[in-house]
Each structure stands twice: as C-alpha cells, then as structure tokens.
C-alpha cells in the first residue's frame, strides 16, 4: 500500500499507514468498516469525492490529528464517531447531507 501516491507509511519494518490524502480523486463507493484498524493513521483526507453510505466508526484512532470528509454524500455518522480521537486537531465535515 505504501507504494501508492498519496499514501504515507512509517519507515522501518512496521510500514504502517500514517497518512491517506485522497482528496478530490473522484472516488465513489463506501468506506470499509475496517478503516479504524489503521491505528497509526494521523491524517485522513477524503474530501471532494463521491463517497456515500454510512461513515464507519473511527473510535479509538488515537493517532488521528486531521480528518476531512466534507464534499461527499455520506448518509450517517455512528454515535461513537469521535470517541477516543484524543489527538484530533482538525475536523472538516461541512456540506455532508446527513
């Protein structure tokens, strides 16, 4: 996964994904419920796409500092959406038709 443009990973053996910057890429579909398994993720930028459906829980993603979901057509946010996001500094969910 780290060989893809706009995907950043930790150096070394772990190679865990730390950043996904997929803004304005004409992506469509839904987000997988396993998204929260990316526990080293610090940046998740998905704004300006055609993503739809329910946003999966991001609970417990303590490393996440930047989250941008605006400009998509998500239909709902889970009740525990922000639970455990202790490092979050930037959140953009403008223009979601929730």
C-alpha atoms as a PDB file:
ATOM      1  CA  UNK A   1       0.000   0.000   0.000  1.00  0.00           C
ATOM      2  CA  UNK A   2       2.901   2.346   0.672  1.00  0.00           C
ATOM      3  CA  UNK A   3       3.920   2.359  -2.959  1.00  0.00           C
ATOM      4  CA  UNK A   4       0.823   4.339  -3.946  1.00  0.00           C
ATOM      5  CA  UNK A   5       0.718   8.070  -4.489  1.00  0.00           C
ATOM      6  CA  UNK A   6      -0.822   9.974  -1.551  1.00  0.00           C
ATOM      7  CA  UNK A   7      -0.268   7.102   0.909  1.00  0.00           C
ATOM      8  CA  UNK A   8       2.410   7.639   3.543  1.00  0.00           C
ATOM      9  CA  UNK A   9       3.771   4.904   5.785  1.00  0.00           C
ATOM     10  CA  UNK A  10       6.097   4.663   8.748  1.00  0.00           C
ATOM     11  CA  UNK A  11       9.691   3.917   7.931  1.00  0.00           C
ATOM     12  CA  UNK A  12      11.164   0.679   9.133  1.00  0.00           C
ATOM     13  CA  UNK A  13       9.794  -2.782   9.467  1.00  0.00           C
ATOM     14  CA  UNK A  14       6.270  -1.930  10.568  1.00  0.00           C
ATOM     15  CA  UNK A  15       5.428   0.091   7.456  1.00  0.00           C
ATOM     16  CA  UNK A  16       2.093   1.082   8.994  1.00  0.00           C
ATOM     17  CA  UNK A  17      -0.012   3.569   7.041  1.00  0.00           C
ATOM     18  CA  UNK A  18       0.151   7.021   8.663  1.00  0.00           C
ATOM     19  CA  UNK A  19      -1.464   9.282   6.060  1.00  0.00           C
ATOM     20  CA  UNK A  20      -4.133   8.913   3.388  1.00  0.00           C
ATOM     21  CA  UNK A  21      -4.589  12.040   1.294  1.00  0.00           C
ATOM     22  CA  UNK A  22      -7.198  11.045  -1.271  1.00  0.00           C
ATOM     23  CA  UNK A  23      -8.929  14.405  -1.615  1.00  0.00           C
ATOM     24  CA  UNK A  24     -10.548  15.263  -4.938  1.00  0.00           C
ATOM     25  CA  UNK A  25      -9.771  11.913  -6.597  1.00  0.00           C
ATOM     26  CA  UNK A  26     -13.276  11.182  -7.941  1.00  0.00           C
ATOM     27  CA  UNK A  27     -13.578   8.212  -5.593  1.00  0.00           C
ATOM     28  CA  UNK A  28     -17.005   6.601  -5.294  1.00  0.00           C
ATOM     29  CA  UNK A  29     -18.426   3.870  -3.105  1.00  0.00           C
ATOM     30  CA  UNK A  30     -18.462   3.313   0.640  1.00  0.00           C
ATOM     31  CA  UNK A  31     -15.788   3.239   3.308  1.00  0.00           C
ATOM     32  CA  UNK A  32     -14.974  -0.170   4.804  1.00  0.00           C
ATOM     33  CA  UNK A  33     -15.883  -0.795   8.455  1.00  0.00           C
ATOM     34  CA  UNK A  34     -12.271  -1.907   8.989  1.00  0.00           C
ATOM     35  CA  UNK A  35     -10.957   1.622   8.424  1.00  0.00           C
ATOM     36  CA  UNK A  36     -10.411   2.015  12.177  1.00  0.00           C
ATOM     37  CA  UNK A  37      -7.861  -0.815  12.064  1.00  0.00           C
ATOM     38  CA  UNK A  38      -5.393   1.718  10.634  1.00  0.00           C
ATOM     39  CA  UNK A  39      -4.352   2.626  14.181  1.00  0.00           C
ATOM     40  CA  UNK A  40      -1.242   4.591  13.162  1.00  0.00           C
ATOM     41  CA  UNK A  41      -3.191   6.886  10.845  1.00  0.00           C
ATOM     42  CA  UNK A  42      -2.571  10.573  11.593  1.00  0.00           C
ATOM     43  CA  UNK A  43      -4.198  12.113   8.505  1.00  0.00           C
ATOM     44  CA  UNK A  44      -7.327  11.027   6.651  1.00  0.00           C
ATOM     45  CA  UNK A  45      -8.339  13.399   3.867  1.00  0.00           C
ATOM     46  CA  UNK A  46     -11.208  12.181   1.710  1.00  0.00           C
ATOM     47  CA  UNK A  47     -12.926  15.471   0.893  1.00  0.00           C
ATOM     48  CA  UNK A  48     -14.290  16.282  -2.534  1.00  0.00           C
ATOM     49  CA  UNK A  49     -15.135  12.769  -3.678  1.00  0.00           C
ATOM     50  CA  UNK A  50     -18.394  10.886  -4.266  1.00  0.00           C
ATOM     51  CA  UNK A  51     -18.179   8.619  -1.242  1.00  0.00           C
ATOM     52  CA  UNK A  52     -21.559   7.590   0.177  1.00  0.00           C
ATOM     53  CA  UNK A  53     -23.244   5.424   2.790  1.00  0.00           C
ATOM     54  CA  UNK A  54     -22.519   5.401   6.490  1.00  0.00           C
ATOM     55  CA  UNK A  55     -19.204   6.655   7.814  1.00  0.00           C
ATOM     56  CA  UNK A  56     -17.659   3.767   9.762  1.00  0.00           C
ATOM     57  CA  UNK A  57     -16.706   4.233  13.384  1.00  0.00           C
ATOM     58  CA  UNK A  58     -13.305   5.805  13.837  1.00  0.00           C
ATOM     59  CA  UNK A  59     -13.424   5.238  17.591  1.00  0.00           C
ATOM     60  CA  UNK A  60     -10.072   4.555  19.127  1.00  0.00           C
ATOM     61  CA  UNK A  61      -7.936   6.049  16.353  1.00  0.00           C
ATOM     62  CA  UNK A  62      -5.912   7.946  18.950  1.00  0.00           C
ATOM     63  CA  UNK A  63      -3.175   8.976  16.478  1.00  0.00           C
ATOM     64  CA  UNK A  64      -5.570  10.747  14.103  1.00  0.00           C
ATOM     65  CA  UNK A  65      -4.843  14.502  14.066  1.00  0.00           C
ATOM     66  CA  UNK A  66      -6.515  15.565  10.790  1.00  0.00           C
ATOM     67  CA  UNK A  67      -9.851  14.345   9.403  1.00  0.00           C
ATOM     68  CA  UNK A  68     -11.595  15.810   6.345  1.00  0.00           C
ATOM     69  CA  UNK A  69     -14.746  14.169   4.993  1.00  0.00           C
ATOM     70  CA  UNK A  70     -16.568  17.174   3.511  1.00  0.00           C
ATOM     71  CA  UNK A  71     -17.867  17.242  -0.029  1.00  0.00           C
ATOM     72  CA  UNK A  72     -19.111  13.638  -0.061  1.00  0.00           C
ATOM     73  CA  UNK A  73     -22.634  12.209   0.266  1.00  0.00           C
ATOM     74  CA  UNK A  74     -22.329  10.206   3.458  1.00  0.00           C
ATOM     75  CA  UNK A  75     -25.703   9.355   4.959  1.00  0.00           C
ATOM     76  CA  UNK A  76     -24.848   8.923   8.626  1.00  0.00           C
ATOM     77  CA  UNK A  77     -22.225   9.143  11.338  1.00  0.00           C
ATOM     78  CA  UNK A  78     -22.032   6.466  14.049  1.00  0.00           C
ATOM     79  CA  UNK A  79     -22.830   7.541  17.644  1.00  0.00           C
ATOM     80  CA  UNK A  80     -19.222   6.858  18.698  1.00  0.00           C
ATOM     81  CA  UNK A  81     -17.787   8.754  15.721  1.00  0.00           C
ATOM     82  CA  UNK A  82     -15.359  10.898  17.753  1.00  0.00           C
ATOM     83  CA  UNK A  83     -14.868   8.572  20.721  1.00  0.00           C
ATOM     84  CA  UNK A  84     -11.196   8.146  21.545  1.00  0.00           C
ATOM     85  CA  UNK A  85      -9.903  10.594  18.930  1.00  0.00           C
ATOM     86  CA  UNK A  86      -7.733  12.240  21.572  1.00  0.00           C
ATOM     87  CA  UNK A  87      -5.189  13.751  19.152  1.00  0.00           C
ATOM     88  CA  UNK A  88      -7.694  15.243  16.691  1.00  0.00           C
ATOM     89  CA  UNK A  89      -6.815  18.870  15.885  1.00  0.00           C
ATOM     90  CA  UNK A  90      -8.663  19.438  12.599  1.00  0.00           C
ATOM     91  CA  UNK A  91     -12.111  18.180  11.604  1.00  0.00           C
ATOM     92  CA  UNK A  92     -13.978  19.132   8.450  1.00  0.00           C
ATOM     93  CA  UNK A  93     -17.379  17.607   7.801  1.00  0.00           C
ATOM     94  CA  UNK A  94     -19.019  20.601   6.106  1.00  0.00           C
ATOM     95  CA  UNK A  95     -21.613  20.052   3.388  1.00  0.00           C
ATOM     96  CA  UNK A  96     -22.451  16.467   4.307  1.00  0.00           C
ATOM     97  CA  UNK A  97     -26.119  15.709   3.632  1.00  0.00           C
ATOM     98  CA  UNK A  98     -26.639  13.985   6.988  1.00  0.00           C
END
